Amino acid sequence: MSRDDIAAVLERYARAVLEKDVGAFASLYHADVRVFDAWGHWTCDGLHAWRQMARAWFDSLGRERVAVSPENLSIEVSGELASVSGMLTYTALAPGGEPVRSMRNRLTWVLRERDGAWKVVHEHTSVPLDFETKAMLRDG
């Protein structure tokens, strides 16, 4: 497997988020996934909990959609394991497609390949902290 295979997982992630497709989103993750998320819960253990989080997130958007743009990605592949780290910008889009707001998260994924499919087994997202506002959801 190659870096292109891992990049394709990120493309499917962005498409699932844009389309608010919980099934496609969940299909990217291993049944025993562990997620350290920047929103609401410190940890989600298992695909069922992560699927519920995705459903709540997508439902909370109403008519808005979210475009995901990766940058500064580092992808490493070794045998059946791969890692991804970089930044993701999440841009909320109004029903007409115009940007409403955006935020930038740091992302780290660990993926495992089984039977020709890469699945995320661990995800960690974070935002930088400063001691006045507590969390910086955007640069600058």
C-alpha atoms as a PDB file:
ATOM      1  CA  MET A   1       0.000   0.000   0.000  1.00  0.00           C
ATOM      2  CA  SER A   2       1.133   3.533  -0.647  1.00  0.00           C
ATOM      3  CA  ARG A   3       0.782   7.130   0.456  1.00  0.00           C
ATOM      4  CA  ASP A   4      -1.757   7.581  -2.343  1.00  0.00           C
ATOM      5  CA  ASP A   5      -3.993   4.999  -0.641  1.00  0.00           C
ATOM      6  CA  ILE A   6      -3.866   7.012   2.581  1.00  0.00           C
ATOM      7  CA  ALA A   7      -4.494  10.274   0.724  1.00  0.00           C
ATOM      8  CA  ALA A   8      -7.580   8.602  -0.774  1.00  0.00           C
ATOM      9  CA  VAL A   9      -8.881   7.929   2.763  1.00  0.00           C
ATOM     10  CA  LEU A  10      -8.552  11.659   3.496  1.00  0.00           C
ATOM     11  CA  GLU A  11     -10.433  12.471   0.287  1.00  0.00           C
ATOM     12  CA  ARG A  12     -13.245  10.095   1.287  1.00  0.00           C
ATOM     13  CA  TYR A  13     -13.311  11.728   4.725  1.00  0.00           C
ATOM     14  CA  ALA A  14     -13.718  15.196   3.178  1.00  0.00           C
ATOM     15  CA  ARG A  15     -16.459  13.948   0.846  1.00  0.00           C
ATOM     16  CA  ALA A  16     -18.359  12.195   3.674  1.00  0.00           C
ATOM     17  CA  VAL A  17     -18.252  15.356   5.806  1.00  0.00           C
ATOM     18  CA  LEU A  18     -19.374  17.589   2.921  1.00  0.00           C
ATOM     19  CA  GLU A  19     -22.245  15.231   2.123  1.00  0.00           C
ATOM     20  CA  LYS A  20     -23.073  14.675   5.825  1.00  0.00           C
ATOM     21  CA  ASP A  21     -22.976  10.936   5.082  1.00  0.00           C
ATOM     22  CA  VAL A  22     -22.679   9.141   8.420  1.00  0.00           C
ATOM     23  CA  GLY A  23     -22.325   5.716   6.775  1.00  0.00           C
ATOM     24  CA  ALA A  24     -19.462   6.822   4.521  1.00  0.00           C
ATOM     25  CA  PHE A  25     -17.839   8.661   7.450  1.00  0.00           C
ATOM     26  CA  ALA A  26     -18.071   5.637   9.760  1.00  0.00           C
ATOM     27  CA  SER A  27     -16.739   3.282   7.068  1.00  0.00           C
ATOM     28  CA  LEU A  28     -13.341   4.985   7.352  1.00  0.00           C
ATOM     29  CA  TYR A  29     -12.906   3.883  10.969  1.00  0.00           C
ATOM     30  CA  HIS A  30     -12.063   0.558  12.610  1.00  0.00           C
ATOM     31  CA  ALA A  31     -14.694  -0.999  14.895  1.00  0.00           C
ATOM     32  CA  ASP A  32     -12.400  -0.450  17.901  1.00  0.00           C
ATOM     33  CA  VAL A  33     -11.375   3.109  16.993  1.00  0.00           C
ATOM     34  CA  ARG A  34     -10.252   5.411  19.780  1.00  0.00           C
ATOM     35  CA  VAL A  35     -10.709   9.144  19.193  1.00  0.00           C
ATOM     36  CA  PHE A  36      -9.342  12.060  21.185  1.00  0.00           C
ATOM     37  CA  ASP A  37     -11.491  14.894  19.876  1.00  0.00           C
ATOM     38  CA  ALA A  38     -11.264  18.651  20.368  1.00  0.00           C
ATOM     39  CA  TRP A  39     -15.042  19.018  20.872  1.00  0.00           C
ATOM     40  CA  GLY A  40     -17.282  18.055  23.759  1.00  0.00           C
ATOM     41  CA  HIS A  41     -15.852  14.675  24.719  1.00  0.00           C
ATOM     42  CA  TRP A  42     -12.300  13.868  25.661  1.00  0.00           C
ATOM     43  CA  THR A  43     -12.544  10.373  24.223  1.00  0.00           C
ATOM     44  CA  CYS A  44     -14.795   8.302  21.993  1.00  0.00           C
ATOM     45  CA  ASP A  45     -14.130   4.580  22.237  1.00  0.00           C
ATOM     46  CA  GLY A  46     -15.496   2.360  19.515  1.00  0.00           C
ATOM     47  CA  LEU A  47     -17.237   2.922  16.232  1.00  0.00           C
ATOM     48  CA  HIS A  48     -20.729   3.046  17.739  1.00  0.00           C
ATOM     49  CA  ALA A  49     -19.831   6.076  19.899  1.00  0.00           C
ATOM     50  CA  TRP A  50     -17.980   7.747  17.021  1.00  0.00           C
ATOM     51  CA  ARG A  51     -20.913   7.169  14.668  1.00  0.00           C
ATOM     52  CA  GLN A  52     -23.256   8.799  17.213  1.00  0.00           C
ATOM     53  CA  MET A  53     -20.907  11.789  17.437  1.00  0.00           C
ATOM     54  CA  ALA A  54     -20.903  12.131  13.638  1.00  0.00           C
ATOM     55  CA  ARG A  55     -24.697  11.951  13.485  1.00  0.00           C
ATOM     56  CA  ALA A  56     -25.018  14.667  16.169  1.00  0.00           C
ATOM     57  CA  TRP A  57     -22.424  16.852  14.383  1.00  0.00           C
ATOM     58  CA  PHE A  58     -24.043  16.542  10.963  1.00  0.00           C
ATOM     59  CA  ASP A  59     -27.543  17.098  12.389  1.00  0.00           C
ATOM     60  CA  SER A  60     -26.344  20.223  14.232  1.00  0.00           C
ATOM     61  CA  LEU A  61     -25.362  21.811  10.917  1.00  0.00           C
ATOM     62  CA  GLY A  62     -28.925  22.258   9.746  1.00  0.00           C
ATOM     63  CA  ARG A  63     -28.787  23.349   6.097  1.00  0.00           C
ATOM     64  CA  GLU A  64     -25.083  24.220   6.251  1.00  0.00           C
ATOM     65  CA  ARG A  65     -22.399  21.874   4.971  1.00  0.00           C
ATOM     66  CA  VAL A  66     -18.717  21.675   5.856  1.00  0.00           C
ATOM     67  CA  ALA A  67     -15.814  21.596   3.413  1.00  0.00           C
ATOM     68  CA  VAL A  68     -12.611  20.008   4.721  1.00  0.00           C
ATOM     69  CA  SER A  69      -9.247  21.146   3.344  1.00  0.00           C
ATOM     70  CA  PRO A  70      -6.028  19.393   4.395  1.00  0.00           C
ATOM     71  CA  GLU A  71      -2.626  21.076   4.394  1.00  0.00           C
ATOM     72  CA  ASN A  72       0.917  20.392   5.508  1.00  0.00           C
ATOM     73  CA  LEU A  73       0.270  16.652   5.566  1.00  0.00           C
ATOM     74  CA  SER A  74       2.864  14.129   6.548  1.00  0.00           C
ATOM     75  CA  ILE A  75       1.999  10.560   5.540  1.00  0.00           C
ATOM     76  CA  GLU A  76       4.125   7.587   6.569  1.00  0.00           C
ATOM     77  CA  VAL A  77       3.385   3.990   5.588  1.00  0.00           C
ATOM     78  CA  SER A  78       5.128   0.928   7.004  1.00  0.00           C
ATOM     79  CA  GLY A  79       3.613  -2.481   6.379  1.00  0.00           C
ATOM     80  CA  GLU A  80       0.058  -2.634   7.694  1.00  0.00           C
ATOM     81  CA  LEU A  81       0.347   0.626   9.665  1.00  0.00           C
ATOM     82  CA  ALA A  82       0.294   4.223   8.507  1.00  0.00           C
ATOM     83  CA  SER A  83       0.263   7.620  10.156  1.00  0.00           C
ATOM     84  CA  VAL A  84      -1.018  10.982   9.019  1.00  0.00           C
ATOM     85  CA  SER A  85      -0.423  14.325  10.658  1.00  0.00           C
ATOM     86  CA  GLY A  86      -1.241  17.794   9.481  1.00  0.00           C
ATOM     87  CA  MET A  87      -3.824  20.534   9.564  1.00  0.00           C
ATOM     88  CA  LEU A  88      -7.452  20.408   8.499  1.00  0.00           C
ATOM     89  CA  THR A  89      -9.501  23.527   7.845  1.00  0.00           C
ATOM     90  CA  TYR A  90     -13.230  23.056   8.322  1.00  0.00           C
ATOM     91  CA  THR A  91     -15.232  25.706   6.420  1.00  0.00           C
ATOM     92  CA  ALA A  92     -18.966  25.988   7.050  1.00  0.00           C
ATOM     93  CA  LEU A  93     -20.863  26.662   3.841  1.00  0.00           C
ATOM     94  CA  ALA A  94     -24.284  28.309   3.631  1.00  0.00           C
ATOM     95  CA  PRO A  95     -26.909  26.531   1.497  1.00  0.00           C
ATOM     96  CA  GLY A  96     -25.823  28.667  -1.476  1.00  0.00           C
ATOM     97  CA  GLY A  97     -22.208  27.524  -1.058  1.00  0.00           C
ATOM     98  CA  GLU A  98     -20.762  30.745   0.350  1.00  0.00           C
ATOM     99  CA  PRO A  99     -18.322  30.375   3.288  1.00  0.00           C
ATOM    100  CA  VAL A 100     -19.795  31.341   6.668  1.00  0.00           C
ATOM    101  CA  ARG A 101     -16.937  30.619   9.097  1.00  0.00           C
ATOM    102  CA  SER A 102     -13.951  28.325   9.400  1.00  0.00           C
ATOM    103  CA  MET A 103     -11.625  26.778  11.922  1.00  0.00           C
ATOM    104  CA  ARG A 104      -8.370  24.932  11.749  1.00  0.00           C
ATOM    105  CA  ASN A 105      -7.551  21.741  13.675  1.00  0.00           C
ATOM    106  CA  ARG A 106      -4.425  19.688  14.025  1.00  0.00           C
ATOM    107  CA  LEU A 107      -4.987  16.056  13.063  1.00  0.00           C
ATOM    108  CA  THR A 108      -3.135  12.834  13.744  1.00  0.00           C
ATOM    109  CA  TRP A 109      -4.393   9.510  12.423  1.00  0.00           C
ATOM    110  CA  VAL A 110      -3.059   6.000  12.875  1.00  0.00           C
ATOM    111  CA  LEU A 111      -4.429   3.618  10.253  1.00  0.00           C
ATOM    112  CA  ARG A 112      -4.234  -0.155   9.886  1.00  0.00           C
ATOM    113  CA  GLU A 113      -4.629  -2.069   6.643  1.00  0.00           C
ATOM    114  CA  ARG A 114      -6.622  -5.294   6.686  1.00  0.00           C
ATOM    115  CA  ASP A 115      -7.819  -7.164   3.614  1.00  0.00           C
ATOM    116  CA  GLY A 116      -6.863  -4.289   1.325  1.00  0.00           C
ATOM    117  CA  ALA A 117      -8.735  -1.595   3.265  1.00  0.00           C
ATOM    118  CA  TRP A 118      -7.183   1.139   5.402  1.00  0.00           C
ATOM    119  CA  LYS A 119      -9.157   2.017   8.546  1.00  0.00           C
ATOM    120  CA  VAL A 120      -8.449   4.693  11.137  1.00  0.00           C
ATOM    121  CA  VAL A 121      -7.708   2.985  14.469  1.00  0.00           C
ATOM    122  CA  HIS A 122      -6.779   6.172  16.332  1.00  0.00           C
ATOM    123  CA  GLU A 123      -7.592   9.834  15.720  1.00  0.00           C
ATOM    124  CA  HIS A 124      -6.384  12.796  17.713  1.00  0.00           C
ATOM    125  CA  THR A 125      -7.508  16.329  16.943  1.00  0.00           C
ATOM    126  CA  SER A 126      -6.447  19.400  18.828  1.00  0.00           C
ATOM    127  CA  VAL A 127      -6.199  23.161  18.748  1.00  0.00           C
ATOM    128  CA  PRO A 128      -3.440  25.321  20.228  1.00  0.00           C
ATOM    129  CA  LEU A 129      -4.119  26.847  23.629  1.00  0.00           C
ATOM    130  CA  ASP A 130      -3.428  30.246  25.000  1.00  0.00           C
ATOM    131  CA  PHE A 131      -4.145  31.108  28.594  1.00  0.00           C
ATOM    132  CA  GLU A 132      -6.471  34.039  27.892  1.00  0.00           C
ATOM    133  CA  THR A 133      -9.038  32.460  25.549  1.00  0.00           C
ATOM    134  CA  LYS A 134      -8.324  28.813  26.447  1.00  0.00           C
ATOM    135  CA  ALA A 135      -8.550  27.492  22.865  1.00  0.00           C
ATOM    136  CA  MET A 136      -7.454  29.003  19.583  1.00  0.00           C
ATOM    137  CA  LEU A 137      -9.724  27.655  16.852  1.00  0.00           C
ATOM    138  CA  ARG A 138      -8.059  29.721  14.116  1.00  0.00           C
ATOM    139  CA  ASP A 139      -4.560  30.942  13.429  1.00  0.00           C
ATOM    140  CA  GLY A 140      -3.753  34.596  13.940  1.00  0.00           C
END
